[in-house]
């Protein structure tokens, strides 16, 4: 799948479009805002196995998110010679617990019950690779406080979003009905949806891929 814009050449200087190693709708929408031409090339990796390896080595939520973003970028870059490949991943943490994408709606329900009334942190990692070599990575944070909502509200929310609750860390999409879950948010919108755009654009400018 590809997305391109006539306006892109006003800013984009690289001979190849950016490759997004993610199938996230939110990340695609964020990149569309920039006007940069990009292709979507998702990659499947065993995220739970990678997480277990990082944690066993003493890594925290930042380390887990960074490793997953790095692996996605470097793996896809090996199949796209010369192109800049963007990998991204997001982990939520709260009171010494980490949360990735819940595997089922039932798991999302239990996760949201735990997070209700608490503040959790989103760890949003991005990495850029070319020809298997990492050229940039960073992790951005956002802190979000959920309302102490009722079980009835939670049931109606999950009925409305259904399987979408299993597609992101935290079990919500802030750009959709997930906004009803919150009472306070500290952090930029792009970090919350899993693609911190400002450090990404800065890295692409330093690389000469974007006009400065």
N, C-alpha and C. Protein backbone atom coordinates (compact mmCIF):
# COMPACT_ATOMS: atom_id res chain seq x y z
N UNK A 1 0.85 -1.19 0.00
CA UNK A 1 0.00 0.00 0.00
C UNK A 1 0.88 1.23 0.00
N UNK A 2 0.52 2.26 -0.77
CA UNK A 2 1.34 3.45 -0.83
C UNK A 2 0.50 4.70 -0.65
N UNK A 3 1.13 5.73 -0.16
CA UNK A 3 0.50 7.03 -0.01
C UNK A 3 1.47 8.06 -0.54
N UNK A 4 1.03 8.93 -1.42
CA UNK A 4 1.91 9.97 -1.93
C UNK A 4 1.11 11.24 -2.14
N UNK A 5 1.78 12.37 -2.19
CA UNK A 5 1.12 13.65 -2.31
C UNK A 5 1.88 14.51 -3.33
N UNK A 6 1.15 15.25 -4.17
CA UNK A 6 1.80 16.15 -5.11
C UNK A 6 2.63 17.19 -4.38
N UNK A 7 2.19 17.62 -3.18
CA UNK A 7 2.90 18.65 -2.43
C UNK A 7 4.20 18.14 -1.81
N UNK A 8 4.43 16.83 -1.85
CA UNK A 8 5.56 16.27 -1.12
C UNK A 8 6.90 16.81 -1.59
N UNK A 9 7.04 17.04 -2.87
CA UNK A 9 8.35 17.46 -3.39
C UNK A 9 8.73 18.87 -2.96
N UNK A 10 7.82 19.60 -2.33
CA UNK A 10 8.17 20.90 -1.78
C UNK A 10 9.13 20.75 -0.60
N UNK A 11 9.10 19.58 0.06
CA UNK A 11 9.93 19.37 1.24
C UNK A 11 10.83 18.14 1.13
N UNK A 12 10.36 17.09 0.45
CA UNK A 12 11.06 15.80 0.43
C UNK A 12 12.17 15.81 -0.60
N UNK A 13 13.39 15.47 -0.20
CA UNK A 13 14.54 15.52 -1.08
C UNK A 13 15.12 14.15 -1.41
N UNK A 14 14.80 13.14 -0.63
CA UNK A 14 15.38 11.82 -0.86
C UNK A 14 14.83 11.22 -2.15
N UNK A 15 15.65 10.50 -2.92
CA UNK A 15 15.15 9.94 -4.19
C UNK A 15 14.09 8.86 -4.02
N UNK A 16 14.02 8.23 -2.84
CA UNK A 16 13.04 7.19 -2.59
C UNK A 16 12.05 7.66 -1.51
N UNK A 17 10.82 7.16 -1.56
CA UNK A 17 9.88 7.50 -0.48
C UNK A 17 10.32 6.86 0.84
N UNK A 18 9.89 7.44 1.92
CA UNK A 18 10.11 6.85 3.23
C UNK A 18 9.33 5.54 3.32
N UNK A 19 9.89 4.55 4.00
CA UNK A 19 9.20 3.27 4.22
C UNK A 19 8.75 3.21 5.67
N UNK A 20 7.45 3.02 5.88
CA UNK A 20 6.90 2.90 7.23
C UNK A 20 6.72 1.42 7.55
N UNK A 21 7.50 0.92 8.51
CA UNK A 21 7.43 -0.50 8.88
C UNK A 21 6.38 -0.71 9.96
N UNK A 22 5.15 -0.31 9.66
CA UNK A 22 4.05 -0.42 10.61
C UNK A 22 2.74 -0.40 9.86
N UNK A 23 1.74 -1.15 10.37
CA UNK A 23 0.42 -1.13 9.75
C UNK A 23 -0.55 -0.25 10.53
N UNK A 24 -0.05 0.50 11.51
CA UNK A 24 -0.90 1.34 12.35
C UNK A 24 -1.58 2.44 11.55
N UNK A 25 -2.89 2.54 11.66
CA UNK A 25 -3.64 3.61 10.99
C UNK A 25 -3.26 4.97 11.54
N UNK A 26 -3.04 5.04 12.86
CA UNK A 26 -2.66 6.30 13.47
C UNK A 26 -1.33 6.81 12.97
N UNK A 27 -0.36 5.92 12.82
CA UNK A 27 0.96 6.33 12.33
C UNK A 27 0.88 6.76 10.86
N UNK A 28 0.07 6.04 10.09
CA UNK A 28 -0.11 6.46 8.69
C UNK A 28 -0.71 7.86 8.63
N UNK A 29 -1.72 8.12 9.45
CA UNK A 29 -2.36 9.43 9.45
C UNK A 29 -1.39 10.52 9.86
N UNK A 30 -0.52 10.21 10.83
CA UNK A 30 0.48 11.19 11.26
C UNK A 30 1.44 11.53 10.12
N UNK A 31 1.92 10.52 9.41
CA UNK A 31 2.83 10.77 8.30
C UNK A 31 2.14 11.54 7.17
N UNK A 32 0.87 11.28 6.96
CA UNK A 32 0.14 12.01 5.93
C UNK A 32 0.16 13.51 6.21
N UNK A 33 0.16 13.88 7.48
CA UNK A 33 0.20 15.31 7.84
C UNK A 33 1.45 15.99 7.32
N UNK A 34 2.55 15.26 7.21
CA UNK A 34 3.82 15.86 6.83
C UNK A 34 3.92 16.12 5.34
N UNK A 35 3.10 15.45 4.54
CA UNK A 35 3.19 15.58 3.10
C UNK A 35 4.32 14.79 2.48
N UNK A 36 5.10 14.07 3.30
CA UNK A 36 6.20 13.28 2.75
C UNK A 36 5.67 12.03 2.06
N UNK A 37 6.23 11.63 0.92
CA UNK A 37 5.81 10.40 0.26
C UNK A 37 6.29 9.19 1.06
N UNK A 38 5.43 8.21 1.22
CA UNK A 38 5.85 7.02 1.95
C UNK A 38 5.11 5.78 1.46
N UNK A 39 5.75 4.64 1.68
CA UNK A 39 5.17 3.33 1.42
C UNK A 39 5.04 2.60 2.74
N UNK A 40 4.00 1.78 2.85
CA UNK A 40 3.77 1.01 4.07
C UNK A 40 4.25 -0.42 3.85
N UNK A 41 5.17 -0.86 4.71
CA UNK A 41 5.72 -2.22 4.63
C UNK A 41 5.77 -2.79 6.04
N UNK A 42 4.64 -3.34 6.52
CA UNK A 42 4.63 -3.91 7.88
C UNK A 42 5.55 -5.13 7.96
N UNK A 43 6.01 -5.41 9.16
CA UNK A 43 6.84 -6.59 9.39
C UNK A 43 6.32 -7.29 10.63
N UNK A 44 6.27 -8.60 10.58
CA UNK A 44 5.79 -9.38 11.72
C UNK A 44 6.99 -9.91 12.51
N UNK A 45 7.06 -9.55 13.78
CA UNK A 45 8.07 -10.10 14.66
C UNK A 45 7.39 -10.60 15.93
N UNK A 46 8.03 -11.48 16.63
CA UNK A 46 7.48 -12.02 17.88
C UNK A 46 7.75 -11.00 18.99
N UNK A 47 6.82 -10.06 19.16
CA UNK A 47 7.04 -8.96 20.08
C UNK A 47 7.18 -9.43 21.52
N UNK A 48 6.40 -10.44 21.89
CA UNK A 48 6.48 -10.91 23.28
C UNK A 48 7.84 -11.57 23.56
N UNK A 49 8.37 -12.29 22.58
CA UNK A 49 9.68 -12.91 22.76
C UNK A 49 10.77 -11.86 22.88
N UNK A 50 10.69 -10.81 22.05
CA UNK A 50 11.66 -9.73 22.12
C UNK A 50 11.56 -9.03 23.48
N UNK A 51 10.34 -8.76 23.92
CA UNK A 51 10.14 -8.11 25.22
C UNK A 51 10.76 -8.95 26.34
N UNK A 52 10.51 -10.26 26.31
CA UNK A 52 11.05 -11.14 27.35
C UNK A 52 12.58 -11.09 27.36
N UNK A 53 13.19 -11.05 26.18
CA UNK A 53 14.65 -10.99 26.08
C UNK A 53 15.19 -9.69 26.68
N UNK A 54 14.53 -8.56 26.34
CA UNK A 54 14.98 -7.26 26.84
C UNK A 54 14.83 -7.18 28.36
N UNK A 55 13.69 -7.63 28.87
CA UNK A 55 13.43 -7.59 30.31
C UNK A 55 14.41 -8.49 31.06
N UNK A 56 14.70 -9.67 30.49
CA UNK A 56 15.65 -10.59 31.14
C UNK A 56 17.03 -9.97 31.26
N UNK A 57 17.34 -9.05 30.34
CA UNK A 57 18.64 -8.37 30.38
C UNK A 57 18.60 -7.11 31.25
N UNK A 58 17.46 -6.89 31.92
CA UNK A 58 17.34 -5.74 32.82
C UNK A 58 16.73 -4.51 32.18
N UNK A 59 16.20 -4.63 30.97
CA UNK A 59 15.64 -3.47 30.27
C UNK A 59 14.29 -3.05 30.82
N UNK A 60 14.01 -1.75 30.72
CA UNK A 60 12.74 -1.20 31.18
C UNK A 60 11.81 -0.98 29.98
N UNK A 61 10.70 -0.26 30.21
CA UNK A 61 9.72 -0.04 29.14
C UNK A 61 10.34 0.73 27.97
N UNK A 62 11.19 1.72 28.26
CA UNK A 62 11.88 2.44 27.18
C UNK A 62 12.69 1.47 26.33
N UNK A 63 13.42 0.58 26.99
CA UNK A 63 14.28 -0.35 26.27
C UNK A 63 13.47 -1.32 25.41
N UNK A 64 12.32 -1.75 25.91
CA UNK A 64 11.46 -2.66 25.15
C UNK A 64 10.96 -1.96 23.89
N UNK A 65 10.40 -0.76 24.05
CA UNK A 65 9.86 -0.03 22.90
C UNK A 65 10.95 0.28 21.88
N UNK A 66 12.13 0.70 22.38
CA UNK A 66 13.24 1.04 21.47
C UNK A 66 13.71 -0.17 20.69
N UNK A 67 13.84 -1.32 21.36
CA UNK A 67 14.30 -2.53 20.68
C UNK A 67 13.32 -2.95 19.59
N UNK A 68 12.03 -2.89 19.88
CA UNK A 68 11.03 -3.30 18.89
C UNK A 68 11.05 -2.36 17.68
N UNK A 69 11.14 -1.07 17.93
CA UNK A 69 11.20 -0.11 16.81
C UNK A 69 12.45 -0.34 15.98
N UNK A 70 13.57 -0.58 16.67
CA UNK A 70 14.85 -0.80 15.99
C UNK A 70 14.80 -2.06 15.14
N UNK A 71 14.26 -3.14 15.68
CA UNK A 71 14.19 -4.40 14.94
C UNK A 71 13.33 -4.26 13.69
N UNK A 72 12.20 -3.58 13.82
CA UNK A 72 11.31 -3.41 12.66
C UNK A 72 12.00 -2.61 11.56
N UNK A 73 12.66 -1.52 11.95
CA UNK A 73 13.32 -0.67 10.96
C UNK A 73 14.45 -1.40 10.26
N UNK A 74 15.30 -2.08 11.01
CA UNK A 74 16.47 -2.72 10.40
C UNK A 74 16.07 -3.91 9.54
N UNK A 75 15.08 -4.70 10.00
CA UNK A 75 14.66 -5.86 9.21
C UNK A 75 14.09 -5.44 7.86
N UNK A 76 13.21 -4.44 7.85
CA UNK A 76 12.61 -4.01 6.58
C UNK A 76 13.66 -3.33 5.71
N UNK A 77 14.60 -2.61 6.31
CA UNK A 77 15.60 -1.90 5.51
C UNK A 77 16.47 -2.85 4.70
N UNK A 78 16.61 -4.08 5.16
CA UNK A 78 17.39 -5.07 4.42
C UNK A 78 16.71 -5.47 3.11
N UNK A 79 15.40 -5.23 3.03
CA UNK A 79 14.65 -5.58 1.82
C UNK A 79 14.40 -4.38 0.92
N UNK A 80 14.83 -3.19 1.35
CA UNK A 80 14.58 -1.95 0.60
C UNK A 80 15.91 -1.18 0.44
N UNK A 81 16.78 -1.65 -0.44
CA UNK A 81 18.12 -1.04 -0.58
C UNK A 81 18.06 0.47 -0.82
N UNK A 82 18.82 1.20 -0.01
CA UNK A 82 18.95 2.64 -0.18
C UNK A 82 17.85 3.47 0.45
N UNK A 83 16.74 2.85 0.80
CA UNK A 83 15.61 3.61 1.34
C UNK A 83 15.77 3.86 2.83
N UNK A 84 15.14 4.91 3.30
CA UNK A 84 15.06 5.19 4.73
C UNK A 84 13.82 4.48 5.27
N UNK A 85 14.01 3.65 6.28
CA UNK A 85 12.91 2.86 6.83
C UNK A 85 12.63 3.30 8.26
N UNK A 86 11.38 3.57 8.54
CA UNK A 86 10.95 4.04 9.85
C UNK A 86 10.24 2.92 10.60
N UNK A 87 10.80 2.53 11.74
CA UNK A 87 10.16 1.58 12.63
C UNK A 87 9.61 2.31 13.84
N UNK A 88 8.55 1.80 14.42
CA UNK A 88 7.96 2.45 15.59
C UNK A 88 7.30 1.41 16.48
N UNK A 89 7.30 1.68 17.77
CA UNK A 89 6.58 0.82 18.70
C UNK A 89 6.23 1.63 19.94
N UNK A 90 5.26 1.12 20.69
CA UNK A 90 4.78 1.83 21.87
C UNK A 90 4.49 0.84 22.98
N UNK A 91 4.88 1.20 24.19
CA UNK A 91 4.61 0.41 25.38
C UNK A 91 3.99 1.34 26.42
N UNK A 92 3.02 0.85 27.17
CA UNK A 92 2.44 1.60 28.28
C UNK A 92 2.97 1.02 29.58
N UNK A 93 3.16 1.89 30.58
CA UNK A 93 3.60 1.41 31.88
C UNK A 93 2.82 2.12 32.99
N UNK A 94 2.60 1.38 34.06
CA UNK A 94 1.88 1.95 35.21
C UNK A 94 2.22 1.12 36.44
N UNK A 95 2.75 1.78 37.47
CA UNK A 95 3.04 1.13 38.75
C UNK A 95 3.80 -0.19 38.56
N UNK A 96 4.92 -0.09 37.87
CA UNK A 96 5.84 -1.20 37.65
C UNK A 96 5.29 -2.29 36.72
N UNK A 97 4.17 -2.04 36.09
CA UNK A 97 3.63 -2.99 35.12
C UNK A 97 3.77 -2.42 33.71
N UNK A 98 4.00 -3.28 32.74
CA UNK A 98 4.08 -2.89 31.34
C UNK A 98 2.89 -3.45 30.59
N UNK A 99 2.43 -2.69 29.60
CA UNK A 99 1.30 -3.12 28.79
C UNK A 99 1.62 -2.91 27.31
N UNK A 100 1.47 -3.96 26.53
CA UNK A 100 1.53 -3.84 25.09
C UNK A 100 0.12 -3.94 24.54
N UNK A 101 0.00 -4.40 23.31
CA UNK A 101 -1.33 -4.59 22.74
C UNK A 101 -2.01 -5.77 23.45
N UNK A 102 -3.19 -5.59 24.02
CA UNK A 102 -3.88 -6.72 24.65
C UNK A 102 -4.27 -7.76 23.59
N UNK A 103 -4.07 -9.03 23.88
CA UNK A 103 -4.33 -10.05 22.86
C UNK A 103 -5.81 -10.27 22.55
N UNK A 104 -6.70 -9.94 23.49
CA UNK A 104 -8.14 -10.15 23.31
C UNK A 104 -8.89 -8.96 23.90
N UNK A 105 -10.17 -8.87 23.55
CA UNK A 105 -11.02 -7.82 24.14
C UNK A 105 -11.15 -8.04 25.64
N UNK A 106 -11.20 -9.29 26.07
CA UNK A 106 -11.28 -9.58 27.51
C UNK A 106 -10.03 -9.06 28.23
N UNK A 107 -8.85 -9.23 27.61
CA UNK A 107 -7.62 -8.72 28.20
C UNK A 107 -7.63 -7.19 28.21
N UNK A 108 -8.19 -6.58 27.17
CA UNK A 108 -8.31 -5.12 27.13
C UNK A 108 -9.19 -4.63 28.28
N UNK A 109 -10.27 -5.37 28.56
CA UNK A 109 -11.16 -4.99 29.66
C UNK A 109 -10.42 -4.99 31.00
N UNK A 110 -9.65 -6.02 31.26
CA UNK A 110 -8.91 -6.10 32.51
C UNK A 110 -7.84 -5.01 32.59
N UNK A 111 -7.20 -4.74 31.46
CA UNK A 111 -6.18 -3.70 31.42
C UNK A 111 -6.78 -2.33 31.73
N UNK A 112 -7.93 -2.03 31.12
CA UNK A 112 -8.57 -0.74 31.33
C UNK A 112 -9.12 -0.62 32.75
N UNK A 113 -9.58 -1.72 33.31
CA UNK A 113 -10.02 -1.69 34.71
C UNK A 113 -8.86 -1.32 35.63
N UNK A 114 -7.69 -1.85 35.34
CA UNK A 114 -6.52 -1.53 36.15
C UNK A 114 -6.12 -0.07 35.99
N UNK A 115 -6.14 0.45 34.76
CA UNK A 115 -5.69 1.80 34.49
C UNK A 115 -6.68 2.87 34.94
N UNK A 116 -7.94 2.51 35.10
CA UNK A 116 -8.96 3.49 35.50
C UNK A 116 -8.60 4.14 36.83
N UNK A 117 -8.64 5.48 36.86
CA UNK A 117 -8.30 6.21 38.06
C UNK A 117 -6.81 6.36 38.31
N UNK A 118 -5.97 5.86 37.41
CA UNK A 118 -4.52 5.92 37.58
C UNK A 118 -3.89 6.71 36.42
N UNK A 119 -2.65 7.12 36.63
CA UNK A 119 -1.87 7.76 35.58
C UNK A 119 -0.88 6.75 35.03
N UNK A 120 -0.87 6.60 33.71
CA UNK A 120 0.09 5.70 33.08
C UNK A 120 0.95 6.49 32.09
N UNK A 121 2.06 5.91 31.73
CA UNK A 121 2.99 6.55 30.79
C UNK A 121 3.03 5.76 29.49
N UNK A 122 3.03 6.48 28.38
CA UNK A 122 3.26 5.88 27.07
C UNK A 122 4.70 6.12 26.67
N UNK A 123 5.37 5.06 26.26
CA UNK A 123 6.75 5.11 25.79
C UNK A 123 6.70 4.87 24.27
N UNK A 124 6.87 5.93 23.49
CA UNK A 124 6.73 5.84 22.03
C UNK A 124 8.11 5.93 21.39
N UNK A 125 8.55 4.83 20.80
CA UNK A 125 9.88 4.75 20.21
C UNK A 125 9.81 4.79 18.69
N UNK A 126 10.78 5.48 18.09
CA UNK A 126 10.94 5.44 16.64
C UNK A 126 12.41 5.16 16.32
N UNK A 127 12.63 4.54 15.17
CA UNK A 127 13.99 4.26 14.70
C UNK A 127 14.00 4.39 13.19
N UNK A 128 15.11 4.90 12.66
CA UNK A 128 15.29 4.98 11.21
C UNK A 128 16.52 4.16 10.85
N UNK A 129 16.37 3.32 9.83
CA UNK A 129 17.48 2.48 9.37
C UNK A 129 17.61 2.57 7.86
N UNK A 130 18.82 2.29 7.39
CA UNK A 130 19.07 2.22 5.94
C UNK A 130 20.03 1.07 5.71
N UNK A 131 19.66 0.16 4.82
CA UNK A 131 20.51 -0.98 4.45
C UNK A 131 20.97 -1.77 5.68
N UNK A 132 20.07 -1.95 6.63
CA UNK A 132 20.36 -2.75 7.80
C UNK A 132 21.09 -2.03 8.91
N UNK A 133 21.44 -0.76 8.71
CA UNK A 133 22.17 0.02 9.72
C UNK A 133 21.25 1.06 10.35
N UNK A 134 21.29 1.14 11.66
CA UNK A 134 20.49 2.12 12.39
C UNK A 134 21.14 3.49 12.26
N UNK A 135 20.34 4.52 11.90
CA UNK A 135 20.91 5.87 11.78
C UNK A 135 20.27 6.86 12.75
N UNK A 136 19.16 6.48 13.38
CA UNK A 136 18.53 7.36 14.37
C UNK A 136 17.55 6.56 15.20
N UNK A 137 17.46 6.90 16.50
CA UNK A 137 16.41 6.35 17.35
C UNK A 137 16.17 7.28 18.53
N UNK A 138 14.95 7.27 19.03
CA UNK A 138 14.60 8.05 20.21
C UNK A 138 13.33 7.48 20.83
N UNK A 139 13.09 7.82 22.08
CA UNK A 139 11.87 7.44 22.78
C UNK A 139 11.26 8.69 23.40
N UNK A 140 9.99 8.95 23.12
CA UNK A 140 9.27 10.09 23.69
C UNK A 140 8.21 9.58 24.66
N UNK A 141 7.79 10.45 25.58
CA UNK A 141 6.86 10.04 26.62
C UNK A 141 5.64 10.95 26.69
N UNK A 142 4.54 10.35 27.14
CA UNK A 142 3.33 11.10 27.46
C UNK A 142 2.71 10.46 28.70
N UNK A 143 2.17 11.28 29.58
CA UNK A 143 1.54 10.78 30.81
C UNK A 143 0.05 11.08 30.75
N UNK A 144 -0.76 10.03 30.91
CA UNK A 144 -2.20 10.14 30.75
C UNK A 144 -2.92 9.61 32.00
N UNK A 145 -3.89 10.36 32.48
CA UNK A 145 -4.67 9.96 33.65
C UNK A 145 -6.07 9.58 33.22
N UNK A 146 -6.46 8.34 33.49
CA UNK A 146 -7.80 7.88 33.15
C UNK A 146 -8.79 8.25 34.25
N UNK A 147 -10.01 8.49 33.83
CA UNK A 147 -11.10 8.70 34.77
C UNK A 147 -11.39 7.40 35.53
N UNK A 148 -12.00 7.53 36.69
CA UNK A 148 -12.47 6.35 37.42
C UNK A 148 -13.87 6.02 36.91
N UNK A 149 -13.94 5.51 35.68
CA UNK A 149 -15.22 5.26 35.02
C UNK A 149 -15.88 3.99 35.57
N UNK A 150 -17.18 3.88 35.29
CA UNK A 150 -17.96 2.76 35.80
C UNK A 150 -17.80 1.53 34.92
N UNK A 151 -18.18 0.37 35.46
CA UNK A 151 -18.17 -0.86 34.67
C UNK A 151 -19.14 -0.77 33.51
N UNK A 152 -20.26 -0.06 33.71
CA UNK A 152 -21.24 0.11 32.63
C UNK A 152 -20.62 0.92 31.49
N UNK A 153 -19.91 1.99 31.83
CA UNK A 153 -19.24 2.77 30.79
C UNK A 153 -18.23 1.91 30.05
N UNK A 154 -17.43 1.14 30.78
CA UNK A 154 -16.40 0.32 30.16
C UNK A 154 -17.02 -0.70 29.21
N UNK A 155 -18.13 -1.31 29.63
CA UNK A 155 -18.80 -2.28 28.76
C UNK A 155 -19.28 -1.62 27.47
N UNK A 156 -19.84 -0.42 27.58
CA UNK A 156 -20.34 0.28 26.39
C UNK A 156 -19.18 0.72 25.49
N UNK A 157 -18.09 1.15 26.11
CA UNK A 157 -16.92 1.55 25.33
C UNK A 157 -16.39 0.37 24.52
N UNK A 158 -16.20 -0.78 25.18
CA UNK A 158 -15.66 -1.94 24.49
C UNK A 158 -16.62 -2.48 23.44
N UNK A 159 -17.91 -2.36 23.69
CA UNK A 159 -18.90 -2.76 22.68
C UNK A 159 -18.78 -1.88 21.45
N UNK A 160 -18.47 -0.60 21.65
CA UNK A 160 -18.37 0.35 20.54
C UNK A 160 -17.09 0.17 19.73
N UNK A 161 -15.96 -0.07 20.41
CA UNK A 161 -14.69 -0.14 19.69
C UNK A 161 -14.32 -1.56 19.27
N UNK A 162 -14.87 -2.56 19.98
CA UNK A 162 -14.65 -3.98 19.66
C UNK A 162 -13.16 -4.29 19.52
N UNK A 163 -12.77 -4.91 18.40
CA UNK A 163 -11.40 -5.39 18.24
C UNK A 163 -10.36 -4.27 18.16
N UNK A 164 -10.80 -3.03 17.93
CA UNK A 164 -9.85 -1.92 17.90
C UNK A 164 -9.12 -1.79 19.24
N UNK A 165 -9.74 -2.25 20.31
CA UNK A 165 -9.10 -2.17 21.63
C UNK A 165 -7.84 -3.02 21.71
N UNK A 166 -7.68 -3.96 20.78
CA UNK A 166 -6.52 -4.86 20.81
C UNK A 166 -5.39 -4.40 19.89
N UNK A 167 -5.54 -3.23 19.29
CA UNK A 167 -4.57 -2.82 18.26
C UNK A 167 -3.55 -1.80 18.74
N UNK A 168 -3.61 -1.41 20.02
CA UNK A 168 -2.64 -0.43 20.50
C UNK A 168 -2.35 -0.63 21.98
N UNK A 169 -1.16 -0.21 22.39
CA UNK A 169 -0.80 -0.25 23.81
C UNK A 169 -1.77 0.65 24.57
N UNK A 170 -2.22 0.20 25.72
CA UNK A 170 -3.18 0.96 26.49
C UNK A 170 -4.62 0.58 26.20
N UNK A 171 -4.87 -0.08 25.08
CA UNK A 171 -6.21 -0.56 24.70
C UNK A 171 -7.16 0.57 24.33
N UNK A 172 -6.63 1.63 23.70
CA UNK A 172 -7.48 2.74 23.28
C UNK A 172 -6.82 3.48 22.13
N UNK A 173 -7.62 4.25 21.41
CA UNK A 173 -7.13 5.18 20.40
C UNK A 173 -7.60 6.57 20.82
N UNK A 174 -6.66 7.41 21.23
CA UNK A 174 -7.02 8.73 21.73
C UNK A 174 -7.68 9.57 20.65
N UNK A 175 -7.39 9.27 19.37
CA UNK A 175 -7.98 10.02 18.27
C UNK A 175 -9.41 9.58 17.97
N UNK A 176 -9.91 8.57 18.68
CA UNK A 176 -11.27 8.09 18.51
C UNK A 176 -12.04 8.15 19.81
N UNK A 177 -12.86 7.13 20.06
CA UNK A 177 -13.69 7.11 21.26
C UNK A 177 -12.86 6.99 22.54
N UNK A 178 -11.60 6.61 22.41
CA UNK A 178 -10.74 6.51 23.59
C UNK A 178 -10.60 7.82 24.34
N UNK A 179 -10.88 8.95 23.71
CA UNK A 179 -10.77 10.24 24.39
C UNK A 179 -11.71 10.30 25.60
N UNK A 180 -12.80 9.53 25.59
CA UNK A 180 -13.76 9.54 26.70
C UNK A 180 -13.20 8.90 27.96
N UNK A 181 -12.07 8.22 27.86
CA UNK A 181 -11.51 7.53 29.01
C UNK A 181 -10.73 8.46 29.95
N UNK A 182 -10.40 9.67 29.50
CA UNK A 182 -9.37 10.45 30.18
C UNK A 182 -9.88 11.70 30.87
N UNK A 183 -9.15 12.08 31.93
CA UNK A 183 -9.41 13.35 32.58
C UNK A 183 -8.23 14.32 32.48
N UNK A 184 -7.03 13.80 32.18
CA UNK A 184 -5.86 14.68 32.06
C UNK A 184 -4.81 14.02 31.18
N UNK A 185 -4.17 14.83 30.33
CA UNK A 185 -3.15 14.33 29.41
C UNK A 185 -1.98 15.31 29.39
N UNK A 186 -0.78 14.79 29.57
CA UNK A 186 0.45 15.58 29.47
C UNK A 186 1.33 14.93 28.40
N UNK A 187 1.43 15.58 27.26
CA UNK A 187 2.22 15.02 26.17
C UNK A 187 1.61 15.42 24.84
N UNK A 188 2.42 15.37 23.78
CA UNK A 188 1.90 15.79 22.48
C UNK A 188 1.11 14.67 21.80
N UNK A 189 0.23 15.08 20.92
CA UNK A 189 -0.70 14.16 20.26
C UNK A 189 0.03 13.05 19.51
N UNK A 190 1.12 13.38 18.83
CA UNK A 190 1.81 12.40 18.00
C UNK A 190 2.50 11.34 18.84
N UNK A 191 3.02 11.73 20.00
CA UNK A 191 3.60 10.74 20.90
C UNK A 191 2.52 9.79 21.40
N UNK A 192 1.35 10.32 21.69
CA UNK A 192 0.26 9.50 22.20
C UNK A 192 -0.20 8.48 21.15
N UNK A 193 -0.25 8.87 19.89
CA UNK A 193 -0.68 7.91 18.87
C UNK A 193 0.46 7.01 18.40
N UNK A 194 1.68 7.24 18.91
CA UNK A 194 2.76 6.30 18.65
C UNK A 194 3.77 6.69 17.60
N UNK A 195 3.79 7.97 17.20
CA UNK A 195 4.78 8.41 16.21
C UNK A 195 5.19 9.85 16.52
N UNK A 196 6.14 10.05 17.43
CA UNK A 196 6.56 11.42 17.76
C UNK A 196 7.16 12.13 16.56
N UNK A 197 6.36 13.02 15.96
CA UNK A 197 6.71 13.59 14.67
C UNK A 197 7.86 14.59 14.72
N UNK A 198 7.91 15.44 15.74
CA UNK A 198 8.92 16.50 15.73
C UNK A 198 10.35 15.95 15.75
N UNK A 199 10.69 15.00 16.63
CA UNK A 199 12.04 14.43 16.53
C UNK A 199 12.26 13.66 15.23
N UNK A 200 11.20 13.05 14.68
CA UNK A 200 11.34 12.35 13.41
C UNK A 200 11.68 13.32 12.29
N UNK A 201 10.94 14.42 12.19
CA UNK A 201 11.20 15.39 11.14
C UNK A 201 12.58 16.01 11.28
N UNK A 202 12.99 16.27 12.52
CA UNK A 202 14.32 16.82 12.75
C UNK A 202 15.40 15.85 12.27
N UNK A 203 15.22 14.55 12.56
CA UNK A 203 16.19 13.54 12.12
C UNK A 203 16.24 13.45 10.59
N UNK A 204 15.08 13.53 9.94
CA UNK A 204 15.05 13.46 8.48
C UNK A 204 15.70 14.68 7.85
N UNK A 205 15.55 15.84 8.49
CA UNK A 205 16.24 17.03 7.97
C UNK A 205 17.75 16.89 8.11
N UNK A 206 18.21 16.38 9.25
CA UNK A 206 19.65 16.20 9.44
C UNK A 206 20.22 15.19 8.44
N UNK A 207 19.40 14.22 8.05
CA UNK A 207 19.82 13.20 7.11
C UNK A 207 19.81 13.72 5.67
N UNK A 208 19.23 14.90 5.46
CA UNK A 208 19.14 15.47 4.12
C UNK A 208 17.96 14.99 3.33
N UNK A 209 17.02 14.30 3.98
CA UNK A 209 15.85 13.79 3.29
C UNK A 209 14.73 14.83 3.21
N UNK A 210 14.77 15.82 4.11
CA UNK A 210 13.79 16.90 4.12
C UNK A 210 14.51 18.23 3.97
N UNK A 211 13.86 19.14 3.28
CA UNK A 211 14.41 20.48 3.14
C UNK A 211 14.47 21.17 4.50
N UNK A 212 15.58 21.82 4.81
CA UNK A 212 15.74 22.47 6.11
C UNK A 212 15.50 23.97 6.02
